[in-house]
């Protein structure tokens, strides 16, 4: 992998679907799996999202658990294909879109992508992507891009007092 931070790429429709599932699950967390390909530069390209029932048995609304049978069946289906399970998505209800201490405690695979959607009052408000470091000690945020993202527009540099043209 190069020195640049990895990026999670997915379609706008995939992100809208995940946000919709997060809103529908509120006040509980939704969850599912991200399927696709990993590029040589470490970027993840999502081709499919697979919804999972939240099988967390604690009764707490701020927890999720992907159905292990779904995960195993998905791994079998992908066995002889170029695609793989890239990571997991889930929602945070009335909390920010960044990994919690519980997420870190339950994270099981370095390099796995964690897409988190913050939901406040049934409204998805923010999405971020993260990856567990190789040593498993912390998450780091990675880029998140949808297929409708494009380069920023450019213009001639502004001149005048206090504006740098360098």
C-alpha atoms as a PDB file:
ATOM      1  CA  UNK A   1       0.000   0.000   0.000  1.00  0.00           C
ATOM      2  CA  UNK A   2       1.229   3.507  -0.769  1.00  0.00           C
ATOM      3  CA  UNK A   3       1.582   6.364   1.731  1.00  0.00           C
ATOM      4  CA  UNK A   4      -1.842   7.783   0.879  1.00  0.00           C
ATOM      5  CA  UNK A   5      -4.829   7.025   3.045  1.00  0.00           C
ATOM      6  CA  UNK A   6      -7.128   4.352   1.600  1.00  0.00           C
ATOM      7  CA  UNK A   7     -10.525   5.342   0.225  1.00  0.00           C
ATOM      8  CA  UNK A   8     -13.849   3.509   0.356  1.00  0.00           C
ATOM      9  CA  UNK A   9     -15.698   3.882  -2.950  1.00  0.00           C
ATOM     10  CA  UNK A  10     -19.369   3.004  -3.269  1.00  0.00           C
ATOM     11  CA  UNK A  11     -22.321   4.054  -5.356  1.00  0.00           C
ATOM     12  CA  UNK A  12     -24.598   6.829  -4.229  1.00  0.00           C
ATOM     13  CA  UNK A  13     -27.433   4.274  -4.294  1.00  0.00           C
ATOM     14  CA  UNK A  14     -25.536   1.991  -1.903  1.00  0.00           C
ATOM     15  CA  UNK A  15     -24.967   4.855   0.534  1.00  0.00           C
ATOM     16  CA  UNK A  16     -28.606   5.976   0.270  1.00  0.00           C
ATOM     17  CA  UNK A  17     -29.760   2.399   0.939  1.00  0.00           C
ATOM     18  CA  UNK A  18     -27.553   2.109   4.025  1.00  0.00           C
ATOM     19  CA  UNK A  19     -28.760   5.503   5.298  1.00  0.00           C
ATOM     20  CA  UNK A  20     -32.370   4.394   4.744  1.00  0.00           C
ATOM     21  CA  UNK A  21     -31.785   1.174   6.676  1.00  0.00           C
ATOM     22  CA  UNK A  22     -30.160   3.171   9.479  1.00  0.00           C
ATOM     23  CA  UNK A  23     -33.160   5.492   9.676  1.00  0.00           C
ATOM     24  CA  UNK A  24     -35.609   2.574   9.625  1.00  0.00           C
ATOM     25  CA  UNK A  25     -33.754   0.726  12.418  1.00  0.00           C
ATOM     26  CA  UNK A  26     -33.660   3.778  14.709  1.00  0.00           C
ATOM     27  CA  UNK A  27     -33.471   3.785  17.731  1.00  0.00           C
ATOM     28  CA  UNK A  28     -31.524   0.524  17.303  1.00  0.00           C
ATOM     29  CA  UNK A  29     -28.407   0.148  15.207  1.00  0.00           C
ATOM     30  CA  UNK A  30     -28.614  -1.368  11.740  1.00  0.00           C
ATOM     31  CA  UNK A  31     -25.777  -3.451  10.350  1.00  0.00           C
ATOM     32  CA  UNK A  32     -24.579  -5.270   7.272  1.00  0.00           C
ATOM     33  CA  UNK A  33     -21.601  -6.201   5.166  1.00  0.00           C
ATOM     34  CA  UNK A  34     -19.747  -4.463   2.349  1.00  0.00           C
ATOM     35  CA  UNK A  35     -18.712  -6.665  -0.581  1.00  0.00           C
ATOM     36  CA  UNK A  36     -16.332  -5.758  -3.387  1.00  0.00           C
ATOM     37  CA  UNK A  37     -12.712  -5.581  -4.438  1.00  0.00           C
ATOM     38  CA  UNK A  38      -9.570  -4.281  -2.824  1.00  0.00           C
ATOM     39  CA  UNK A  39      -7.227  -2.403  -5.154  1.00  0.00           C
ATOM     40  CA  UNK A  40      -3.455  -2.649  -5.080  1.00  0.00           C
ATOM     41  CA  UNK A  41      -3.308   0.806  -3.513  1.00  0.00           C
ATOM     42  CA  UNK A  42      -5.502  -0.316  -0.615  1.00  0.00           C
ATOM     43  CA  UNK A  43      -8.708   1.349  -1.812  1.00  0.00           C
ATOM     44  CA  UNK A  44     -11.957  -0.577  -1.338  1.00  0.00           C
ATOM     45  CA  UNK A  45     -14.522  -0.662  -4.173  1.00  0.00           C
ATOM     46  CA  UNK A  46     -17.980  -1.746  -3.003  1.00  0.00           C
ATOM     47  CA  UNK A  47     -20.127  -3.653  -5.506  1.00  0.00           C
ATOM     48  CA  UNK A  48     -22.764  -4.939  -3.090  1.00  0.00           C
ATOM     49  CA  UNK A  49     -24.174  -4.225   0.358  1.00  0.00           C
ATOM     50  CA  UNK A  50     -25.673  -7.117   2.289  1.00  0.00           C
ATOM     51  CA  UNK A  51     -28.130  -6.259   5.047  1.00  0.00           C
ATOM     52  CA  UNK A  52     -27.902  -8.314   8.224  1.00  0.00           C
ATOM     53  CA  UNK A  53     -30.384  -8.584  11.017  1.00  0.00           C
ATOM     54  CA  UNK A  54     -28.927  -7.066  14.168  1.00  0.00           C
ATOM     55  CA  UNK A  55     -28.608 -10.207  16.284  1.00  0.00           C
ATOM     56  CA  UNK A  56     -27.116  -8.458  19.306  1.00  0.00           C
ATOM     57  CA  UNK A  57     -28.687 -10.110  22.310  1.00  0.00           C
ATOM     58  CA  UNK A  58     -27.830  -7.538  24.970  1.00  0.00           C
ATOM     59  CA  UNK A  59     -31.020  -5.534  24.473  1.00  0.00           C
ATOM     60  CA  UNK A  60     -28.971  -2.349  24.337  1.00  0.00           C
ATOM     61  CA  UNK A  61     -29.832   0.020  21.507  1.00  0.00           C
ATOM     62  CA  UNK A  62     -26.189   1.089  21.052  1.00  0.00           C
ATOM     63  CA  UNK A  63     -24.901  -2.334  20.009  1.00  0.00           C
ATOM     64  CA  UNK A  64     -24.905  -4.377  16.843  1.00  0.00           C
ATOM     65  CA  UNK A  65     -23.892  -7.843  15.802  1.00  0.00           C
ATOM     66  CA  UNK A  66     -23.859  -9.140  12.243  1.00  0.00           C
ATOM     67  CA  UNK A  67     -25.488 -12.544  11.826  1.00  0.00           C
ATOM     68  CA  UNK A  68     -22.559 -14.984  11.767  1.00  0.00           C
ATOM     69  CA  UNK A  69     -24.438 -17.455   9.520  1.00  0.00           C
ATOM     70  CA  UNK A  70     -24.958 -14.682   6.964  1.00  0.00           C
ATOM     71  CA  UNK A  71     -21.255 -13.812   7.117  1.00  0.00           C
ATOM     72  CA  UNK A  72     -20.173 -17.439   6.655  1.00  0.00           C
ATOM     73  CA  UNK A  73     -22.631 -17.991   3.781  1.00  0.00           C
ATOM     74  CA  UNK A  74     -21.379 -14.823   2.110  1.00  0.00           C
ATOM     75  CA  UNK A  75     -17.752 -15.937   2.487  1.00  0.00           C
ATOM     76  CA  UNK A  76     -18.660 -19.253   0.827  1.00  0.00           C
ATOM     77  CA  UNK A  77     -20.452 -17.502  -2.040  1.00  0.00           C
ATOM     78  CA  UNK A  78     -17.421 -15.301  -2.685  1.00  0.00           C
ATOM     79  CA  UNK A  79     -14.829 -18.089  -2.323  1.00  0.00           C
ATOM     80  CA  UNK A  80     -13.855 -18.503  -6.007  1.00  0.00           C
ATOM     81  CA  UNK A  81     -14.533 -14.927  -7.111  1.00  0.00           C
ATOM     82  CA  UNK A  82     -12.352 -11.815  -7.165  1.00  0.00           C
ATOM     83  CA  UNK A  83     -14.658 -10.215  -4.612  1.00  0.00           C
ATOM     84  CA  UNK A  84     -14.496 -10.400  -0.843  1.00  0.00           C
ATOM     85  CA  UNK A  85     -16.098  -9.035   2.287  1.00  0.00           C
ATOM     86  CA  UNK A  86     -14.435  -5.631   2.597  1.00  0.00           C
ATOM     87  CA  UNK A  87     -16.012  -4.588   5.846  1.00  0.00           C
ATOM     88  CA  UNK A  88     -19.088  -3.808   7.847  1.00  0.00           C
ATOM     89  CA  UNK A  89     -21.557  -0.950   8.003  1.00  0.00           C
ATOM     90  CA  UNK A  90     -23.635   0.069  10.982  1.00  0.00           C
ATOM     91  CA  UNK A  91     -25.389   3.059  12.453  1.00  0.00           C
ATOM     92  CA  UNK A  92     -24.871   5.123  15.567  1.00  0.00           C
ATOM     93  CA  UNK A  93     -28.113   6.442  17.007  1.00  0.00           C
ATOM     94  CA  UNK A  94     -27.889   9.925  18.493  1.00  0.00           C
ATOM     95  CA  UNK A  95     -24.106   9.653  18.443  1.00  0.00           C
ATOM     96  CA  UNK A  96     -21.364  10.771  16.086  1.00  0.00           C
ATOM     97  CA  UNK A  97     -20.248   8.840  13.008  1.00  0.00           C
ATOM     98  CA  UNK A  98     -16.976   7.629  14.417  1.00  0.00           C
ATOM     99  CA  UNK A  99     -16.004   4.370  16.063  1.00  0.00           C
ATOM    100  CA  UNK A 100     -16.927   4.045  19.716  1.00  0.00           C
ATOM    101  CA  UNK A 101     -14.912   2.296  22.420  1.00  0.00           C
ATOM    102  CA  UNK A 102     -17.342  -0.618  22.002  1.00  0.00           C
ATOM    103  CA  UNK A 103     -16.638  -0.729  18.250  1.00  0.00           C
ATOM    104  CA  UNK A 104     -12.908  -0.913  18.998  1.00  0.00           C
ATOM    105  CA  UNK A 105     -13.435  -3.630  21.583  1.00  0.00           C
ATOM    106  CA  UNK A 106     -15.478  -5.723  19.129  1.00  0.00           C
ATOM    107  CA  UNK A 107     -13.381  -5.063  16.001  1.00  0.00           C
ATOM    108  CA  UNK A 108     -12.013  -8.356  14.761  1.00  0.00           C
ATOM    109  CA  UNK A 109     -10.026  -7.824  11.582  1.00  0.00           C
ATOM    110  CA  UNK A 110      -7.292  -5.260  10.833  1.00  0.00           C
ATOM    111  CA  UNK A 111      -7.787  -3.667   7.416  1.00  0.00           C
ATOM    112  CA  UNK A 112     -11.546  -4.264   7.569  1.00  0.00           C
ATOM    113  CA  UNK A 113     -13.544  -1.161   6.615  1.00  0.00           C
ATOM    114  CA  UNK A 114     -16.114   0.197   9.067  1.00  0.00           C
ATOM    115  CA  UNK A 115     -18.725   2.482   7.480  1.00  0.00           C
ATOM    116  CA  UNK A 116     -20.671   4.331  10.180  1.00  0.00           C
ATOM    117  CA  UNK A 117     -23.851   6.345   9.665  1.00  0.00           C
ATOM    118  CA  UNK A 118     -24.887   8.781  12.413  1.00  0.00           C
ATOM    119  CA  UNK A 119     -28.660   8.990  12.874  1.00  0.00           C
ATOM    120  CA  UNK A 120     -30.348  11.671  14.966  1.00  0.00           C
ATOM    121  CA  UNK A 121     -34.088  11.468  15.509  1.00  0.00           C
ATOM    122  CA  UNK A 122     -34.607   9.071  12.560  1.00  0.00           C
ATOM    123  CA  UNK A 123     -32.540  11.270  10.207  1.00  0.00           C
ATOM    124  CA  UNK A 124     -29.189  10.076   8.832  1.00  0.00           C
ATOM    125  CA  UNK A 125     -26.916  13.093   9.156  1.00  0.00           C
ATOM    126  CA  UNK A 126     -23.320  11.973   8.556  1.00  0.00           C
ATOM    127  CA  UNK A 127     -21.369   8.992   7.218  1.00  0.00           C
ATOM    128  CA  UNK A 128     -17.705   8.172   7.695  1.00  0.00           C
ATOM    129  CA  UNK A 129     -15.384   5.265   6.912  1.00  0.00           C
ATOM    130  CA  UNK A 130     -12.668   3.854   9.145  1.00  0.00           C
ATOM    131  CA  UNK A 131     -10.124   1.076   9.196  1.00  0.00           C
ATOM    132  CA  UNK A 132      -8.630  -0.805  12.110  1.00  0.00           C
ATOM    133  CA  UNK A 133      -4.836  -0.381  12.205  1.00  0.00           C
ATOM    134  CA  UNK A 134      -2.656  -3.458  11.647  1.00  0.00           C
ATOM    135  CA  UNK A 135      -1.900  -3.751  15.371  1.00  0.00           C
ATOM    136  CA  UNK A 136      -5.610  -3.572  16.251  1.00  0.00           C
ATOM    137  CA  UNK A 137      -5.020  -0.745  18.735  1.00  0.00           C
ATOM    138  CA  UNK A 138      -7.012   2.027  17.026  1.00  0.00           C
ATOM    139  CA  UNK A 139      -9.198   3.034  14.128  1.00  0.00           C
ATOM    140  CA  UNK A 140      -8.204   5.651  11.594  1.00  0.00           C
ATOM    141  CA  UNK A 141     -10.554   7.523   9.315  1.00  0.00           C
ATOM    142  CA  UNK A 142     -10.240   6.806   5.613  1.00  0.00           C
ATOM    143  CA  UNK A 143     -11.714   8.591   2.618  1.00  0.00           C
ATOM    144  CA  UNK A 144     -15.315   7.984   1.595  1.00  0.00           C
ATOM    145  CA  UNK A 145     -16.381   8.679  -1.990  1.00  0.00           C
ATOM    146  CA  UNK A 146     -19.553   8.012  -3.911  1.00  0.00           C
ATOM    147  CA  UNK A 147     -19.733   7.608  -7.682  1.00  0.00           C
ATOM    148  CA  UNK A 148     -21.165  11.116  -8.096  1.00  0.00           C
ATOM    149  CA  UNK A 149     -18.099  12.764  -6.536  1.00  0.00           C
ATOM    150  CA  UNK A 150     -15.905  14.809  -8.859  1.00  0.00           C
ATOM    151  CA  UNK A 151     -12.906  17.082  -8.646  1.00  0.00           C
ATOM    152  CA  UNK A 152     -13.352  20.473  -7.043  1.00  0.00           C
ATOM    153  CA  UNK A 153     -13.788  23.380  -9.453  1.00  0.00           C
ATOM    154  CA  UNK A 154     -10.790  25.631  -9.961  1.00  0.00           C
ATOM    155  CA  UNK A 155     -10.336  29.302 -10.758  1.00  0.00           C
ATOM    156  CA  UNK A 156      -7.552  31.792 -11.135  1.00  0.00           C
ATOM    157  CA  UNK A 157      -5.893  32.677  -7.808  1.00  0.00           C
ATOM    158  CA  UNK A 158      -7.315  35.708  -6.064  1.00  0.00           C
ATOM    159  CA  UNK A 159      -5.097  38.744  -5.723  1.00  0.00           C
ATOM    160  CA  UNK A 160      -5.249  41.688  -3.391  1.00  0.00           C
ATOM    161  CA  UNK A 161      -4.341  42.619   0.167  1.00  0.00           C
ATOM    162  CA  UNK A 162      -4.021  39.632   2.469  1.00  0.00           C
ATOM    163  CA  UNK A 163      -4.569  37.094  -0.296  1.00  0.00           C
ATOM    164  CA  UNK A 164      -1.613  34.951  -1.240  1.00  0.00           C
ATOM    165  CA  UNK A 165      -0.899  34.288  -4.897  1.00  0.00           C
ATOM    166  CA  UNK A 166       1.988  31.927  -4.116  1.00  0.00           C
END
